[in-house]
C-alpha atoms as a PDB file:
ATOM      1  CA  UNK A   1      24.104 -19.262   4.400  1.00  0.00           C
ATOM      2  CA  UNK A   2      20.518 -19.321   3.624  1.00  0.00           C
ATOM      3  CA  UNK A   3      19.123 -20.750   0.544  1.00  0.00           C
ATOM      4  CA  UNK A   4      18.273 -17.757  -1.128  1.00  0.00           C
ATOM      5  CA  UNK A   5      14.785 -19.325  -2.830  1.00  0.00           C
ATOM      6  CA  UNK A   6      13.914 -21.066   0.195  1.00  0.00           C
ATOM      7  CA  UNK A   7      13.973 -17.247   2.149  1.00  0.00           C
ATOM      8  CA  UNK A   8      12.225 -15.699  -0.926  1.00  0.00           C
ATOM      9  CA  UNK A   9       9.320 -18.311  -0.941  1.00  0.00           C
ATOM     10  CA  UNK A  10       9.270 -17.282   2.863  1.00  0.00           C
ATOM     11  CA  UNK A  11       9.048 -13.786   1.987  1.00  0.00           C
ATOM     12  CA  UNK A  12       6.758 -14.440  -1.121  1.00  0.00           C
ATOM     13  CA  UNK A  13       4.258 -16.084   1.579  1.00  0.00           C
ATOM     14  CA  UNK A  14       4.624 -12.978   4.277  1.00  0.00           C
ATOM     15  CA  UNK A  15       3.704 -10.268   1.021  1.00  0.00           C
ATOM     16  CA  UNK A  16       1.148 -12.450   0.028  1.00  0.00           C
ATOM     17  CA  UNK A  17      -0.621 -12.565   3.422  1.00  0.00           C
ATOM     18  CA  UNK A  18      -0.118  -8.785   3.708  1.00  0.00           C
ATOM     19  CA  UNK A  19      -1.800  -8.635   0.132  1.00  0.00           C
ATOM     20  CA  UNK A  20      -4.623 -10.543   0.909  1.00  0.00           C
ATOM     21  CA  UNK A  21      -5.146  -8.509   4.495  1.00  0.00           C
ATOM     22  CA  UNK A  22      -4.957  -4.986   2.186  1.00  0.00           C
ATOM     23  CA  UNK A  23      -7.833  -7.258  -0.024  1.00  0.00           C
ATOM     24  CA  UNK A  24     -10.078  -8.238   2.140  1.00  0.00           C
ATOM     25  CA  UNK A  25      -9.842  -4.829   4.154  1.00  0.00           C
ATOM     26  CA  UNK A  26     -10.498  -3.005   0.474  1.00  0.00           C
ATOM     27  CA  UNK A  27     -13.641  -4.760  -0.373  1.00  0.00           C
ATOM     28  CA  UNK A  28     -15.479  -4.505   2.621  1.00  0.00           C
ATOM     29  CA  UNK A  29     -15.090  -0.913   2.884  1.00  0.00           C
ATOM     30  CA  UNK A  30     -15.194  -0.420  -0.994  1.00  0.00           C
ATOM     31  CA  UNK A  31     -18.903  -1.847  -0.495  1.00  0.00           C
ATOM     32  CA  UNK A  32     -19.508   0.588   2.717  1.00  0.00           C
ATOM     33  CA  UNK A  33     -18.373   3.542   1.051  1.00  0.00           C
ATOM     34  CA  UNK A  34     -20.552   3.383  -1.913  1.00  0.00           C
ATOM     35  CA  UNK A  35     -23.445   2.760  -0.345  1.00  0.00           C
ATOM     36  CA  UNK A  36     -22.627   5.611   2.368  1.00  0.00           C
ATOM     37  CA  UNK A  37     -21.352   7.758  -0.438  1.00  0.00           C
ATOM     38  CA  UNK A  38     -25.243   6.702  -2.184  1.00  0.00           C
ATOM     39  CA  UNK A  39     -27.069   7.097   0.820  1.00  0.00           C
ATOM     40  CA  UNK A  40     -25.200  10.448   1.695  1.00  0.00           C
ATOM     41  CA  UNK A  41     -24.847  11.943  -1.704  1.00  0.00           C
ATOM     42  CA  UNK A  42     -21.301  12.476  -1.192  1.00  0.00           C
ATOM     43  CA  UNK A  43     -19.142  13.029  -4.033  1.00  0.00           C
ATOM     44  CA  UNK A  44     -15.914  12.429  -1.888  1.00  0.00           C
ATOM     45  CA  UNK A  45     -17.114   9.530  -0.400  1.00  0.00           C
ATOM     46  CA  UNK A  46     -18.105   7.801  -3.613  1.00  0.00           C
ATOM     47  CA  UNK A  47     -14.459   9.319  -4.557  1.00  0.00           C
ATOM     48  CA  UNK A  48     -13.483   6.856  -1.759  1.00  0.00           C
ATOM     49  CA  UNK A  49     -14.976   3.956  -2.830  1.00  0.00           C
ATOM     50  CA  UNK A  50     -14.208   4.239  -6.441  1.00  0.00           C
ATOM     51  CA  UNK A  51     -10.199   4.535  -4.933  1.00  0.00           C
ATOM     52  CA  UNK A  52     -10.890   1.240  -2.893  1.00  0.00           C
ATOM     53  CA  UNK A  53     -12.221  -0.404  -5.283  1.00  0.00           C
ATOM     54  CA  UNK A  54      -9.168   0.183  -7.899  1.00  0.00           C
ATOM     55  CA  UNK A  55      -6.921  -1.307  -5.148  1.00  0.00           C
ATOM     56  CA  UNK A  56      -9.044  -4.303  -4.586  1.00  0.00           C
ATOM     57  CA  UNK A  57      -8.520  -4.711  -8.340  1.00  0.00           C
ATOM     58  CA  UNK A  58      -4.609  -4.355  -7.535  1.00  0.00           C
ATOM     59  CA  UNK A  59      -3.982  -6.196  -4.927  1.00  0.00           C
ATOM     60  CA  UNK A  60      -5.735  -9.143  -7.835  1.00  0.00           C
ATOM     61  CA  UNK A  61      -2.684  -7.992 -10.027  1.00  0.00           C
ATOM     62  CA  UNK A  62      -0.362  -8.568  -7.259  1.00  0.00           C
ATOM     63  CA  UNK A  63      -0.932 -11.856  -6.471  1.00  0.00           C
ATOM     64  CA  UNK A  64      -1.372 -12.907  -9.826  1.00  0.00           C
ATOM     65  CA  UNK A  65       2.325 -11.353  -9.586  1.00  0.00           C
ATOM     66  CA  UNK A  66       3.389 -13.650  -6.947  1.00  0.00           C
ATOM     67  CA  UNK A  67       2.194 -16.705  -8.208  1.00  0.00           C
ATOM     68  CA  UNK A  68       3.823 -15.963 -11.817  1.00  0.00           C
ATOM     69  CA  UNK A  69       7.627 -14.454 -11.489  1.00  0.00           C
ATOM     70  CA  UNK A  70       8.041 -18.026  -9.584  1.00  0.00           C
ATOM     71  CA  UNK A  71       7.581 -20.204 -12.153  1.00  0.00           C
ATOM     72  CA  UNK A  72      10.742 -22.290 -12.980  1.00  0.00           C
ATOM     73  CA  UNK A  73      12.853 -21.063 -16.016  1.00  0.00           C
ATOM     74  CA  UNK A  74      12.114 -22.907 -19.421  1.00  0.00           C
ATOM     75  CA  UNK A  75      13.821 -22.603 -23.555  1.00  0.00           C
ATOM     76  CA  UNK A  76      11.758 -19.740 -24.097  1.00  0.00           C
ATOM     77  CA  UNK A  77      12.436 -17.942 -20.918  1.00  0.00           C
ATOM     78  CA  UNK A  78      16.031 -18.963 -20.408  1.00  0.00           C
ATOM     79  CA  UNK A  79      16.082 -16.532 -16.777  1.00  0.00           C
ATOM     80  CA  UNK A  80      13.040 -17.033 -15.249  1.00  0.00           C
ATOM     81  CA  UNK A  81       9.864 -15.339 -14.827  1.00  0.00           C
ATOM     82  CA  UNK A  82      11.049 -13.165 -12.364  1.00  0.00           C
ATOM     83  CA  UNK A  83      10.129  -9.567 -14.420  1.00  0.00           C
ATOM     84  CA  UNK A  84       6.557 -10.904 -13.570  1.00  0.00           C
ATOM     85  CA  UNK A  85       6.115  -9.183 -10.719  1.00  0.00           C
ATOM     86  CA  UNK A  86       7.400  -6.171 -12.167  1.00  0.00           C
ATOM     87  CA  UNK A  87       4.989  -5.954 -15.069  1.00  0.00           C
ATOM     88  CA  UNK A  88       1.702  -6.729 -12.854  1.00  0.00           C
ATOM     89  CA  UNK A  89       3.298  -3.568 -10.642  1.00  0.00           C
ATOM     90  CA  UNK A  90       3.088  -1.415 -13.294  1.00  0.00           C
ATOM     91  CA  UNK A  91      -0.600  -3.053 -14.579  1.00  0.00           C
ATOM     92  CA  UNK A  92      -1.351  -2.175 -11.057  1.00  0.00           C
ATOM     93  CA  UNK A  93       0.340   1.490 -10.780  1.00  0.00           C
ATOM     94  CA  UNK A  94      -1.751   1.877 -14.039  1.00  0.00           C
ATOM     95  CA  UNK A  95      -5.212   0.984 -12.444  1.00  0.00           C
ATOM     96  CA  UNK A  96      -4.425   3.528  -9.649  1.00  0.00           C
ATOM     97  CA  UNK A  97      -4.479   6.151 -12.029  1.00  0.00           C
ATOM     98  CA  UNK A  98      -7.299   5.260 -14.536  1.00  0.00           C
ATOM     99  CA  UNK A  99      -9.662   3.798 -11.913  1.00  0.00           C
ATOM    100  CA  UNK A 100      -8.638   5.680  -9.049  1.00  0.00           C
ATOM    101  CA  UNK A 101      -7.506   9.012 -10.208  1.00  0.00           C
ATOM    102  CA  UNK A 102     -10.042   9.757 -12.729  1.00  0.00           C
ATOM    103  CA  UNK A 103     -12.894   9.004 -11.241  1.00  0.00           C
ATOM    104  CA  UNK A 104     -12.079  11.220  -8.290  1.00  0.00           C
ATOM    105  CA  UNK A 105     -11.207  13.869 -10.901  1.00  0.00           C
ATOM    106  CA  UNK A 106     -14.899  13.432 -12.108  1.00  0.00           C
ATOM    107  CA  UNK A 107     -16.018  13.560  -9.272  1.00  0.00           C
ATOM    108  CA  UNK A 108     -15.158  16.727  -7.759  1.00  0.00           C
ATOM    109  CA  UNK A 109     -15.766  18.380 -11.647  1.00  0.00           C
ATOM    110  CA  UNK A 110     -19.267  16.476 -11.495  1.00  0.00           C
ATOM    111  CA  UNK A 111     -20.157  18.047  -7.966  1.00  0.00           C
ATOM    112  CA  UNK A 112     -18.548  21.858  -8.911  1.00  0.00           C
ATOM    113  CA  UNK A 113     -20.808  21.763 -12.266  1.00  0.00           C
ATOM    114  CA  UNK A 114     -23.537  19.902 -11.703  1.00  0.00           C
ATOM    115  CA  UNK A 115     -26.727  20.115  -9.524  1.00  0.00           C
ATOM    116  CA  UNK A 116     -26.361  20.575  -5.974  1.00  0.00           C
ATOM    117  CA  UNK A 117     -26.963  16.582  -4.263  1.00  0.00           C
ATOM    118  CA  UNK A 118     -29.856  15.849  -1.489  1.00  0.00           C
ATOM    119  CA  UNK A 119     -28.213  16.721   1.497  1.00  0.00           C
ATOM    120  CA  UNK A 120     -29.216  14.697   4.736  1.00  0.00           C
ATOM    121  CA  UNK A 121     -27.583  14.817   8.191  1.00  0.00           C
ATOM    122  CA  UNK A 122     -28.641  11.425   8.674  1.00  0.00           C
ATOM    123  CA  UNK A 123     -27.017  10.367   5.567  1.00  0.00           C
ATOM    124  CA  UNK A 124     -23.865  12.156   6.099  1.00  0.00           C
ATOM    125  CA  UNK A 125     -23.329  10.932   9.413  1.00  0.00           C
ATOM    126  CA  UNK A 126     -23.765   7.440   8.402  1.00  0.00           C
ATOM    127  CA  UNK A 127     -20.563   7.945   5.701  1.00  0.00           C
ATOM    128  CA  UNK A 128     -18.861   9.760   8.242  1.00  0.00           C
ATOM    129  CA  UNK A 129     -19.216   6.281  10.175  1.00  0.00           C
ATOM    130  CA  UNK A 130     -18.702   4.521   7.112  1.00  0.00           C
ATOM    131  CA  UNK A 131     -14.683   6.561   6.807  1.00  0.00           C
ATOM    132  CA  UNK A 132     -14.274   5.757  10.532  1.00  0.00           C
ATOM    133  CA  UNK A 133     -14.538   1.992  10.048  1.00  0.00           C
ATOM    134  CA  UNK A 134     -12.912   2.487   6.633  1.00  0.00           C
ATOM    135  CA  UNK A 135      -9.582   4.594   8.973  1.00  0.00           C
ATOM    136  CA  UNK A 136      -9.220   1.612  11.079  1.00  0.00           C
ATOM    137  CA  UNK A 137      -9.229  -1.219   8.422  1.00  0.00           C
ATOM    138  CA  UNK A 138      -6.410   0.599   6.316  1.00  0.00           C
ATOM    139  CA  UNK A 139      -4.500   2.300   9.359  1.00  0.00           C
ATOM    140  CA  UNK A 140      -4.560  -2.078   9.948  1.00  0.00           C
ATOM    141  CA  UNK A 141      -3.582  -2.616   6.824  1.00  0.00           C
ATOM    142  CA  UNK A 142      -1.124   0.098   6.769  1.00  0.00           C
ATOM    143  CA  UNK A 143       0.870  -0.897  10.013  1.00  0.00           C
ATOM    144  CA  UNK A 144       1.176  -4.690   8.891  1.00  0.00           C
ATOM    145  CA  UNK A 145       2.932  -3.422   5.290  1.00  0.00           C
ATOM    146  CA  UNK A 146       5.224  -1.353   7.662  1.00  0.00           C
ATOM    147  CA  UNK A 147       6.162  -4.035   9.666  1.00  0.00           C
ATOM    148  CA  UNK A 148       6.911  -6.014   7.130  1.00  0.00           C
ATOM    149  CA  UNK A 149       9.284  -3.559   5.157  1.00  0.00           C
ATOM    150  CA  UNK A 150      10.859  -3.078   8.862  1.00  0.00           C
ATOM    151  CA  UNK A 151      11.628  -6.720   8.775  1.00  0.00           C
ATOM    152  CA  UNK A 152      13.194  -6.656   5.643  1.00  0.00           C
ATOM    153  CA  UNK A 153      17.341  -6.649   4.975  1.00  0.00           C
ATOM    154  CA  UNK A 154      18.820  -3.638   3.149  1.00  0.00           C
ATOM    155  CA  UNK A 155      16.486  -1.332   1.645  1.00  0.00           C
ATOM    156  CA  UNK A 156      13.377  -3.224   2.251  1.00  0.00           C
ATOM    157  CA  UNK A 157      10.656  -1.370   0.812  1.00  0.00           C
ATOM    158  CA  UNK A 158      12.832  -1.117  -2.792  1.00  0.00           C
ATOM    159  CA  UNK A 159      13.385  -4.212  -3.106  1.00  0.00           C
ATOM    160  CA  UNK A 160       9.735  -5.646  -4.039  1.00  0.00           C
ATOM    161  CA  UNK A 161       7.116  -4.192  -5.999  1.00  0.00           C
ATOM    162  CA  UNK A 162       4.184  -5.949  -4.539  1.00  0.00           C
ATOM    163  CA  UNK A 163       4.822  -4.802  -0.990  1.00  0.00           C
ATOM    164  CA  UNK A 164       5.956  -1.602  -1.814  1.00  0.00           C
ATOM    165  CA  UNK A 165       2.676  -0.961  -3.623  1.00  0.00           C
ATOM    166  CA  UNK A 166       0.308  -2.124  -1.010  1.00  0.00           C
ATOM    167  CA  UNK A 167       2.250  -0.077   1.491  1.00  0.00           C
ATOM    168  CA  UNK A 168       1.731   2.818  -1.285  1.00  0.00           C
ATOM    169  CA  UNK A 169      -2.205   1.978  -1.628  1.00  0.00           C
ATOM    170  CA  UNK A 170      -2.734   1.563   2.286  1.00  0.00           C
ATOM    171  CA  UNK A 171      -0.700   5.070   2.976  1.00  0.00           C
ATOM    172  CA  UNK A 172      -2.881   6.720   0.131  1.00  0.00           C
ATOM    173  CA  UNK A 173      -6.059   5.453   1.042  1.00  0.00           C
ATOM    174  CA  UNK A 174      -5.326   6.736   4.999  1.00  0.00           C
ATOM    175  CA  UNK A 175      -4.600  10.101   3.521  1.00  0.00           C
ATOM    176  CA  UNK A 176      -7.925   9.812   1.116  1.00  0.00           C
ATOM    177  CA  UNK A 177      -9.941   8.541   3.463  1.00  0.00           C
ATOM    178  CA  UNK A 178      -9.026  11.690   5.855  1.00  0.00           C
ATOM    179  CA  UNK A 179      -9.217  14.173   2.968  1.00  0.00           C
ATOM    180  CA  UNK A 180     -12.978  12.844   2.276  1.00  0.00           C
ATOM    181  CA  UNK A 181     -13.644  13.374   5.909  1.00  0.00           C
ATOM    182  CA  UNK A 182     -12.614  16.868   5.810  1.00  0.00           C
ATOM    183  CA  UNK A 183     -14.641  17.413   3.079  1.00  0.00           C
ATOM    184  CA  UNK A 184     -17.693  15.724   4.193  1.00  0.00           C
ATOM    185  CA  UNK A 185     -17.526  17.749   7.791  1.00  0.00           C
ATOM    186  CA  UNK A 186     -16.707  21.291   6.369  1.00  0.00           C
ATOM    187  CA  UNK A 187     -19.615  20.780   3.463  1.00  0.00           C
ATOM    188  CA  UNK A 188     -21.960  20.019   7.038  1.00  0.00           C
ATOM    189  CA  UNK A 189     -20.712  23.021   8.544  1.00  0.00           C
ATOM    190  CA  UNK A 190     -20.658  25.513   5.892  1.00  0.00           C
ATOM    191  CA  UNK A 191     -23.372  24.173   3.347  1.00  0.00           C
ATOM    192  CA  UNK A 192     -20.745  24.561   0.695  1.00  0.00           C
ATOM    193  CA  UNK A 193     -20.578  21.451  -1.793  1.00  0.00           C
ATOM    194  CA  UNK A 194     -17.243  23.336  -2.775  1.00  0.00           C
ATOM    195  CA  UNK A 195     -15.085  21.547  -0.009  1.00  0.00           C
ATOM    196  CA  UNK A 196     -16.041  17.548  -0.904  1.00  0.00           C
ATOM    197  CA  UNK A 197     -15.854  18.402  -4.449  1.00  0.00           C
ATOM    198  CA  UNK A 198     -12.197  20.398  -3.691  1.00  0.00           C
ATOM    199  CA  UNK A 199     -11.722  16.388  -1.824  1.00  0.00           C
ATOM    200  CA  UNK A 200     -12.095  14.748  -4.275  1.00  0.00           C
ATOM    201  CA  UNK A 201      -9.615  16.404  -6.493  1.00  0.00           C
ATOM    202  CA  UNK A 202      -7.153  16.280  -3.790  1.00  0.00           C
ATOM    203  CA  UNK A 203      -7.909  12.112  -3.619  1.00  0.00           C
ATOM    204  CA  UNK A 204      -6.901  12.295  -7.447  1.00  0.00           C
ATOM    205  CA  UNK A 205      -4.199  14.209  -7.519  1.00  0.00           C
ATOM    206  CA  UNK A 206      -3.018  12.036  -4.530  1.00  0.00           C
ATOM    207  CA  UNK A 207      -3.445   8.807  -6.467  1.00  0.00           C
ATOM    208  CA  UNK A 208      -2.463  10.346  -9.624  1.00  0.00           C
ATOM    209  CA  UNK A 209       0.557  11.031  -8.232  1.00  0.00           C
ATOM    210  CA  UNK A 210       1.354   7.835  -6.584  1.00  0.00           C
ATOM    211  CA  UNK A 211       0.444   5.889  -9.606  1.00  0.00           C
ATOM    212  CA  UNK A 212       3.194   8.055 -11.339  1.00  0.00           C
ATOM    213  CA  UNK A 213       5.690   7.279  -9.290  1.00  0.00           C
ATOM    214  CA  UNK A 214       4.771   3.725  -8.875  1.00  0.00           C
ATOM    215  CA  UNK A 215       4.548   3.061 -12.586  1.00  0.00           C
ATOM    216  CA  UNK A 216       8.081   4.861 -13.452  1.00  0.00           C
ATOM    217  CA  UNK A 217       9.771   2.605 -10.509  1.00  0.00           C
ATOM    218  CA  UNK A 218       8.166  -0.526 -12.869  1.00  0.00           C
ATOM    219  CA  UNK A 219       9.227   1.009 -15.621  1.00  0.00           C
ATOM    220  CA  UNK A 220      12.933   1.084 -14.727  1.00  0.00           C
ATOM    221  CA  UNK A 221      12.550  -2.883 -13.818  1.00  0.00           C
ATOM    222  CA  UNK A 222      10.990  -3.858 -16.305  1.00  0.00           C
ATOM    223  CA  UNK A 223      12.701  -2.415 -19.242  1.00  0.00           C
ATOM    224  CA  UNK A 224      16.300  -3.534 -17.314  1.00  0.00           C
ATOM    225  CA  UNK A 225      17.573  -1.928 -13.990  1.00  0.00           C
ATOM    226  CA  UNK A 226      21.188  -2.658 -12.949  1.00  0.00           C
ATOM    227  CA  UNK A 227      22.090  -3.009  -9.301  1.00  0.00           C
ATOM    228  CA  UNK A 228      22.186  -0.186  -6.813  1.00  0.00           C
ATOM    229  CA  UNK A 229      25.884   1.543  -7.600  1.00  0.00           C
ATOM    230  CA  UNK A 230      27.543   0.390  -3.755  1.00  0.00           C
ATOM    231  CA  UNK A 231      26.839  -3.145  -4.729  1.00  0.00           C
ATOM    232  CA  UNK A 232      27.890  -2.877  -7.918  1.00  0.00           C
ATOM    233  CA  UNK A 233      31.183  -1.091  -6.527  1.00  0.00           C
ATOM    234  CA  UNK A 234      31.480  -4.053  -4.545  1.00  0.00           C
ATOM    235  CA  UNK A 235      31.283  -6.680  -6.938  1.00  0.00           C
ATOM    236  CA  UNK A 236      33.944  -4.726  -9.100  1.00  0.00           C
ATOM    237  CA  UNK A 237      36.428  -4.715  -6.013  1.00  0.00           C
ATOM    238  CA  UNK A 238      35.993  -8.926  -5.492  1.00  0.00           C
ATOM    239  CA  UNK A 239      37.186  -9.399  -9.428  1.00  0.00           C
ATOM    240  CA  UNK A 240      39.875  -6.859  -9.050  1.00  0.00           C
ATOM    241  CA  UNK A 241      40.979  -8.788  -5.929  1.00  0.00           C
ATOM    242  CA  UNK A 242      40.891 -12.224  -7.588  1.00  0.00           C
ATOM    243  CA  UNK A 243      44.929 -12.768  -8.248  1.00  0.00           C
ATOM    244  CA  UNK A 244      44.171 -13.615 -11.659  1.00  0.00           C
ATOM    245  CA  UNK A 245      42.026 -11.315 -13.109  1.00  0.00           C
ATOM    246  CA  UNK A 246      44.405  -8.473 -14.139  1.00  0.00           C
ATOM    247  CA  UNK A 247      42.382  -5.804 -15.235  1.00  0.00           C
ATOM    248  CA  UNK A 248      38.673  -5.333 -15.114  1.00  0.00           C
ATOM    249  CA  UNK A 249      37.489  -3.944 -18.597  1.00  0.00           C
ATOM    250  CA  UNK A 250      33.495  -3.508 -18.117  1.00  0.00           C
ATOM    251  CA  UNK A 251      31.204  -4.822 -16.050  1.00  0.00           C
ATOM    252  CA  UNK A 252      27.513  -4.960 -16.410  1.00  0.00           C
ATOM    253  CA  UNK A 253      24.115  -5.806 -13.827  1.00  0.00           C
ATOM    254  CA  UNK A 254      20.829  -6.607 -14.408  1.00  0.00           C
ATOM    255  CA  UNK A 255      18.138  -7.543 -11.742  1.00  0.00           C
ATOM    256  CA  UNK A 256      15.933 -10.168 -13.071  1.00  0.00           C
ATOM    257  CA  UNK A 257      14.132 -10.854 -10.328  1.00  0.00           C
ATOM    258  CA  UNK A 258      13.460 -10.276  -6.928  1.00  0.00           C
ATOM    259  CA  UNK A 259      16.184 -12.848  -5.939  1.00  0.00           C
ATOM    260  CA  UNK A 260      17.891 -12.841  -9.022  1.00  0.00           C
ATOM    261  CA  UNK A 261      20.376 -10.744 -10.986  1.00  0.00           C
ATOM    262  CA  UNK A 262      22.524 -10.851 -13.771  1.00  0.00           C
ATOM    263  CA  UNK A 263      26.543 -10.243 -13.818  1.00  0.00           C
ATOM    264  CA  UNK A 264      28.307 -10.180 -16.839  1.00  0.00           C
ATOM    265  CA  UNK A 265      32.338  -9.071 -17.101  1.00  0.00           C
ATOM    266  CA  UNK A 266      34.979  -8.844 -19.484  1.00  0.00           C
ATOM    267  CA  UNK A 267      37.985  -9.494 -17.728  1.00  0.00           C
ATOM    268  CA  UNK A 268      42.388  -9.676 -18.825  1.00  0.00           C
ATOM    269  CA  UNK A 269      43.530 -12.534 -16.965  1.00  0.00           C
ATOM    270  CA  UNK A 270      47.056 -12.088 -15.380  1.00  0.00           C
ATOM    271  CA  UNK A 271      49.729 -13.267 -17.979  1.00  0.00           C
ATOM    272  CA  UNK A 272      50.841 -16.852 -17.744  1.00  0.00           C
ATOM    273  CA  UNK A 273      47.739 -18.355 -16.891  1.00  0.00           C
ATOM    274  CA  UNK A 274      47.400 -21.973 -19.253  1.00  0.00           C
ATOM    275  CA  UNK A 275      44.148 -22.400 -21.539  1.00  0.00           C
ATOM    276  CA  UNK A 276      43.865 -26.088 -19.656  1.00  0.00           C
ATOM    277  CA  UNK A 277      43.512 -23.850 -16.173  1.00  0.00           C
ATOM    278  CA  UNK A 278      40.823 -21.092 -17.957  1.00  0.00           C
ATOM    279  CA  UNK A 279      37.815 -22.892 -17.181  1.00  0.00           C
ATOM    280  CA  UNK A 280      38.797 -23.508 -13.238  1.00  0.00           C
ATOM    281  CA  UNK A 281      39.857 -20.098 -12.727  1.00  0.00           C
ATOM    282  CA  UNK A 282      36.369 -19.151 -14.254  1.00  0.00           C
ATOM    283  CA  UNK A 283      34.507 -20.992 -11.995  1.00  0.00           C
ATOM    284  CA  UNK A 284      36.320 -20.470  -9.130  1.00  0.00           C
ATOM    285  CA  UNK A 285      35.673 -16.657  -9.869  1.00  0.00           C
ATOM    286  CA  UNK A 286      31.990 -17.704 -10.467  1.00  0.00           C
ATOM    287  CA  UNK A 287      31.853 -19.422  -7.033  1.00  0.00           C
ATOM    288  CA  UNK A 288      33.073 -16.146  -5.341  1.00  0.00           C
ATOM    289  CA  UNK A 289      30.516 -14.055  -6.381  1.00  0.00           C
ATOM    290  CA  UNK A 290      28.154 -16.081  -5.881  1.00  0.00           C
ATOM    291  CA  UNK A 291      29.347 -16.998  -2.473  1.00  0.00           C
ATOM    292  CA  UNK A 292      29.042 -13.490  -1.816  1.00  0.00           C
ATOM    293  CA  UNK A 293      25.896 -12.832  -3.250  1.00  0.00           C
ATOM    294  CA  UNK A 294      23.533 -15.525  -3.670  1.00  0.00           C
ATOM    295  CA  UNK A 295      21.353 -13.542  -5.470  1.00  0.00           C
ATOM    296  CA  UNK A 296      23.727 -13.610  -8.850  1.00  0.00           C
ATOM    297  CA  UNK A 297      22.276 -16.748 -10.373  1.00  0.00           C
ATOM    298  CA  UNK A 298      23.083 -15.526 -13.663  1.00  0.00           C
ATOM    299  CA  UNK A 299      26.916 -15.375 -14.047  1.00  0.00           C
ATOM    300  CA  UNK A 300      28.996 -14.901 -17.505  1.00  0.00           C
ATOM    301  CA  UNK A 301      32.718 -13.763 -17.598  1.00  0.00           C
ATOM    302  CA  UNK A 302      34.432 -12.931 -21.115  1.00  0.00           C
ATOM    303  CA  UNK A 303      37.982 -13.577 -20.901  1.00  0.00           C
ATOM    304  CA  UNK A 304      39.640 -10.603 -23.706  1.00  0.00           C
ATOM    305  CA  UNK A 305      42.889  -8.707 -23.873  1.00  0.00           C
ATOM    306  CA  UNK A 306      42.817  -4.911 -23.108  1.00  0.00           C
ATOM    307  CA  UNK A 307      46.289  -3.294 -24.126  1.00  0.00           C
ATOM    308  CA  UNK A 308      47.868  -1.487 -21.457  1.00  0.00           C
ATOM    309  CA  UNK A 309      47.503   1.727 -23.355  1.00  0.00           C
ATOM    310  CA  UNK A 310      43.452   1.341 -23.204  1.00  0.00           C
ATOM    311  CA  UNK A 311      43.006   0.855 -19.549  1.00  0.00           C
ATOM    312  CA  UNK A 312      41.458   3.482 -17.328  1.00  0.00           C
END
């Protein structure tokens, strides 16, 4: 069976490369969008520039998460630093909301209520060219993220908050570019700024929604999320199948990181087990759990006596 720590390290390298690809693309196109937006006087393009700046900062957060979450356990943090990844992913969600969503709303409202910007046909053409390049860059980053997700076993996207954030950012970036381009084209054709303002507001609403979903998931993981119900059922079945266990009174699980899970069970042992053999029985059961689920690296068994009348 593969070593989960080495496997996790390999996945981290792939995720780090995916984040770096996304960061490079976002930094490049953020500058291009900002310059194009100022030249064209386009609120939609400036909203997209803010979107790319927010994504770039968030990818710095994710790189910090990848580095800090792999620190070994110490006296102050005996279960390790795996939840660092959840914390930095939460900050990335806040960054999407504040820097991307709020600025896009500001640009949209300013376009609707402020003086009409100076429009030039050449400036808008340059802006659309910038958006075309951005679409290619964001699309390439999105394809890489999707391929890595599909290569992961199991749920894939649900397991790695850093990869999930990159995938969400790249997906919304592609949609944002299409919205901005649509708003600019309709503005050029009709002469109405309302189309670009609407595109900015739509980009802001999209970013706020994505930030909410990412933040909600990161919050649940950060405060202590159990394993999925199917995995919990399998662990419970394994415990019930052990000949030394008469009854499982309680089973609690919590994800501590990408490849670290806590399993705590209160068990009533079958009659006749000598106290001298108790430790050997406990170690054998822990090994059975660890062999079946290598990520279960923190296993605690509490031996209790449960009266037959109170068992479910």
